[in-house]
Structures are given as C-alpha cells and as structure tokens.
Amino acid sequence: MTIQLIVSNPVNIVSIPGDYGNNLFPAIYDSTTFSFDITIVSGTTDGNGNFLTYKNITNVSVLTLPTIGGLTVQVINSNPNAYVIRFSGPVTGAFNQTFQFQTVNNGLQYLPVDTNVSYYGIVNWNPPSSFTETVTHTLTLTYDDYSTEQTNVDEIIYWNNSVWIAKFKTAVSQGIA
C-alpha cells in the first residue's frame, strides 16, 4: 500500500531547500500564524507513482509529539480518494525558555512572558538552547473496511526571535515602577 501526501495552499511557511511531502511537512515559525493543506491518497501504484487502485479513507487522526500548543488540524474535504486536512496555528510551547520576574507579592518567580501577575520588572530571560525543534506527526488513516494504517511525518519549527524579542520588550515596559 502506498500513502501519498501532497502539500498545497501554504501560508507563512519557512522557505527551506528540499522536498516536503511524504517525509517532511513545511517548516514553520513558532508564535506565527500559518496554514497548509495535506491531500492524502492511499492505494496501490504501478511503481512510477501512478495509482492503479485507491483505498477509501474514511477518517484521519493526527497525534503530534512532542505536544505543542495552538496546532489545529481540521478536515477540509473527506473525499475517500483524496482526503484533505489543514494544519494551522500559531504553535506555542515548542521551545524551552524561561522568564524570571520580580513579582509584587511573591518575590522572584518564573512566569510566562505575557503573565497577568503584577510585577516590578523582568530580571532574567533564558532563551532556548536550540532554535529549531522537530515534531513528528503520526497520521492514522482509517479505511472503509475498518482497517487502519499509520505514517509518520516530521516538521521543523523555528524559534521566531523577532516575536520573542518584541514580547520581552513589552514585558520590560509593563513592569510597575
């Protein structure tokens, strides 16, 4: 059985050299709105990529590890021979970075950069140690005969320094004098 993944309608993806599709989804920036569609075709091929028969897809579920916030996956077209799902976001939480604040009531605390806790100032920011993160999307296809099949596709997420520097500057400016 061959599973073919076709990328279309990319919006705000990172332009990187190389092929995306069956092994790699388009790269994205964290904390930046993006979307792209994936058309999924399954069946037997003639060895040259031409489908001879199709296997009817009735459902596709997606599990992404490590878990990231903000990722939305929705069905765009449930045609059993060309099932289309859309990945969109912005994604959050892909990078381990910490912000330490001098809070009004509790002294030094590590909090999200956009915290609602009252603070005097931000005293420390530890940006991520790596500026790329790879996540794996496991797509589980369910067919009309109730059988299932899985395929794994990686995606690279890039840390968006301009977004995080702007958030840091905003946090600095909002401290209580």
Protein backbone atom coordinates (compact mmCIF):
# COMPACT_ATOMS: atom_id res chain seq x y z
CA MET A 1 0.00 0.00 0.00
CA THR A 2 1.30 3.46 -0.90
CA ILE A 3 0.35 6.61 1.00
CA GLN A 4 0.96 9.84 -0.86
CA LEU A 5 0.87 13.22 0.91
CA ILE A 6 0.53 16.32 -1.27
CA VAL A 7 1.12 19.76 0.23
CA SER A 8 -0.94 22.70 -1.08
CA ASN A 9 -2.04 26.22 -0.10
CA PRO A 10 0.96 27.05 2.12
CA VAL A 11 0.65 30.34 4.04
CA ASN A 12 3.52 31.77 6.15
CA ILE A 13 5.71 28.70 5.99
CA VAL A 14 9.50 28.88 6.23
CA SER A 15 11.10 28.58 2.83
CA ILE A 16 13.81 25.96 3.14
CA PRO A 17 15.58 23.97 0.46
CA GLY A 18 14.49 20.40 -0.01
CA ASP A 19 11.37 18.48 -0.73
CA TYR A 20 8.40 18.36 1.56
CA GLY A 21 5.53 15.95 1.22
CA ASN A 22 5.82 12.32 2.24
CA ASN A 23 8.69 12.69 4.71
CA LEU A 24 8.61 16.32 5.80
CA PHE A 25 5.84 18.88 6.20
CA PRO A 26 6.58 22.56 5.52
CA ALA A 27 8.67 24.21 8.23
CA ILE A 28 7.04 26.95 10.32
CA TYR A 29 7.94 29.65 12.84
CA ASP A 30 6.64 29.36 16.38
CA SER A 31 4.13 32.01 17.50
CA THR A 32 3.34 32.94 13.88
CA THR A 33 0.06 32.27 12.10
CA PHE A 34 0.43 29.66 9.34
CA SER A 35 -1.56 27.07 7.42
CA PHE A 36 -1.12 24.40 4.77
CA ASP A 37 -3.29 21.64 3.38
CA ILE A 38 -2.35 17.99 3.01
CA THR A 39 -4.11 15.82 0.45
CA ILE A 40 -3.83 12.15 1.39
CA VAL A 41 -4.11 9.45 -1.27
CA SER A 42 -3.76 5.75 -0.50
CA GLY A 43 -3.73 2.70 -2.74
CA THR A 44 -1.57 0.55 -4.97
CA THR A 45 0.73 2.10 -7.56
CA ASP A 46 2.45 0.94 -10.73
CA GLY A 47 5.89 1.69 -9.30
CA ASN A 48 6.10 5.06 -11.06
CA GLY A 49 3.79 6.83 -8.61
CA ASN A 50 0.63 6.32 -10.68
CA PHE A 51 -2.24 4.91 -8.66
CA LEU A 52 -3.83 1.74 -10.06
CA THR A 53 -6.36 1.31 -7.25
CA TYR A 54 -7.42 3.52 -4.38
CA LYS A 55 -8.16 2.57 -0.81
CA ASN A 56 -11.12 4.60 0.52
CA ILE A 57 -10.15 6.76 3.50
CA THR A 58 -13.00 7.42 5.94
CA ASN A 59 -11.08 9.21 8.70
CA VAL A 60 -7.66 10.65 9.51
CA SER A 61 -6.46 11.32 13.05
CA VAL A 62 -3.24 13.12 13.93
CA LEU A 63 -1.03 12.74 17.00
CA THR A 64 1.85 15.23 17.32
CA LEU A 65 4.84 14.58 19.61
CA PRO A 66 6.24 16.32 21.44
CA THR A 67 2.97 18.06 22.22
CA ILE A 68 2.75 21.68 21.10
CA GLY A 69 0.00 24.17 21.81
CA GLY A 70 -2.03 26.01 19.22
CA LEU A 71 -1.87 23.44 16.43
CA THR A 72 -5.23 22.93 14.74
CA VAL A 73 -5.98 20.09 12.34
CA GLN A 74 -9.30 20.14 10.50
CA VAL A 75 -10.86 18.16 7.68
CA ILE A 76 -11.30 20.27 4.53
CA ASN A 77 -12.53 17.55 2.18
CA SER A 78 -13.47 13.96 3.08
CA ASN A 79 -13.29 12.60 -0.47
CA PRO A 80 -12.22 8.98 0.23
CA ASN A 81 -9.71 9.01 -2.65
CA ALA A 82 -8.21 12.42 -1.87
CA TYR A 83 -8.80 13.23 1.80
CA VAL A 84 -7.70 16.79 2.67
CA ILE A 85 -6.74 18.07 6.12
CA ARG A 86 -5.49 21.54 7.06
CA PHE A 87 -2.76 22.21 9.60
CA SER A 88 -2.88 25.72 11.05
CA GLY A 89 -1.72 27.73 14.02
CA PRO A 90 0.29 29.64 15.54
CA VAL A 91 2.01 26.95 17.58
CA THR A 92 3.29 27.69 21.07
CA GLY A 93 5.34 25.86 23.65
CA ALA A 94 7.76 24.24 21.22
CA PHE A 95 10.77 25.83 22.89
CA ASN A 96 12.00 25.71 26.45
CA GLN A 97 12.62 29.29 27.51
CA THR A 98 12.09 30.88 30.89
CA PHE A 99 11.32 34.39 32.12
CA GLN A 100 12.02 35.37 35.71
CA PHE A 101 10.06 38.26 37.21
CA GLN A 102 10.35 40.22 40.44
CA THR A 103 6.69 39.97 41.41
CA VAL A 104 4.82 42.34 43.70
CA ASN A 105 3.70 39.65 46.18
CA ASN A 106 5.91 36.59 45.82
CA GLY A 107 9.44 37.72 45.06
CA LEU A 108 11.24 36.05 42.17
CA GLN A 109 9.06 33.80 40.01
CA TYR A 110 9.36 32.10 36.64
CA LEU A 111 6.25 33.05 34.66
CA PRO A 112 5.08 33.21 31.05
CA VAL A 113 6.30 36.38 29.33
CA ASP A 114 2.70 37.56 28.90
CA THR A 115 1.78 36.97 32.57
CA ASN A 116 -1.14 38.68 34.28
CA VAL A 117 0.69 38.65 37.64
CA SER A 118 1.72 42.12 38.85
CA TYR A 119 5.47 42.55 38.74
CA TYR A 120 8.12 45.21 39.23
CA GLY A 121 10.30 44.02 36.41
CA ILE A 122 11.70 41.13 34.44
CA VAL A 123 15.09 40.14 35.82
CA ASN A 124 16.14 37.21 33.65
CA TRP A 125 15.34 35.64 30.30
CA ASN A 126 16.79 32.31 29.31
CA PRO A 127 16.15 31.90 25.57
CA PRO A 128 16.01 28.36 24.23
CA SER A 129 19.28 26.47 23.86
CA SER A 130 18.22 25.25 20.42
CA PHE A 131 16.48 27.40 17.83
CA THR A 132 14.89 24.55 15.89
CA GLU A 133 12.60 21.81 17.13
CA THR A 134 11.41 18.79 15.18
CA VAL A 135 7.98 17.37 15.87
CA THR A 136 6.58 14.15 14.47
CA HIS A 137 3.01 13.95 13.24
CA THR A 138 1.60 10.41 13.26
CA LEU A 139 -1.28 10.23 10.80
CA THR A 140 -3.62 7.29 11.35
CA LEU A 141 -5.78 6.55 8.31
CA THR A 142 -8.99 4.57 8.77
CA TYR A 143 -10.38 2.88 5.67
CA ASP A 144 -13.91 1.87 4.69
CA ASP A 145 -13.07 -1.77 5.53
CA TYR A 146 -12.25 -0.54 9.12
CA SER A 147 -8.55 -1.31 8.76
CA THR A 148 -6.02 1.35 9.76
CA GLU A 149 -2.60 2.39 8.62
CA GLN A 150 -0.12 4.88 10.07
CA THR A 151 2.52 7.12 8.58
CA ASN A 152 4.92 9.47 10.38
CA VAL A 153 5.85 12.88 9.02
CA ASP A 154 8.33 15.27 10.61
CA GLU A 155 8.04 19.04 10.73
CA ILE A 156 10.66 21.59 11.73
CA ILE A 157 9.64 24.54 13.90
CA TYR A 158 11.94 27.54 14.02
CA TRP A 159 12.16 29.84 17.03
CA ASN A 160 10.90 33.26 15.97
CA ASN A 161 13.37 35.68 17.54
CA SER A 162 11.57 38.84 16.38
CA VAL A 163 8.32 37.78 18.07
CA TRP A 164 10.07 36.85 21.32
CA ILE A 165 12.22 39.98 21.43
CA ALA A 166 9.05 42.06 20.99
CA LYS A 167 7.33 40.12 23.81
CA PHE A 168 10.38 40.63 26.02
CA LYS A 169 10.42 44.39 25.34
CA THR A 170 6.70 44.57 26.11
CA ALA A 171 7.24 42.73 29.41
CA VAL A 172 10.07 45.11 30.34
CA SER A 173 7.90 48.14 29.60
CA GLN A 174 4.92 46.89 31.63
CA GLY A 175 6.68 46.44 34.96
CA ILE A 176 5.38 48.56 37.86
CA ALA A 177 7.79 51.40 38.56
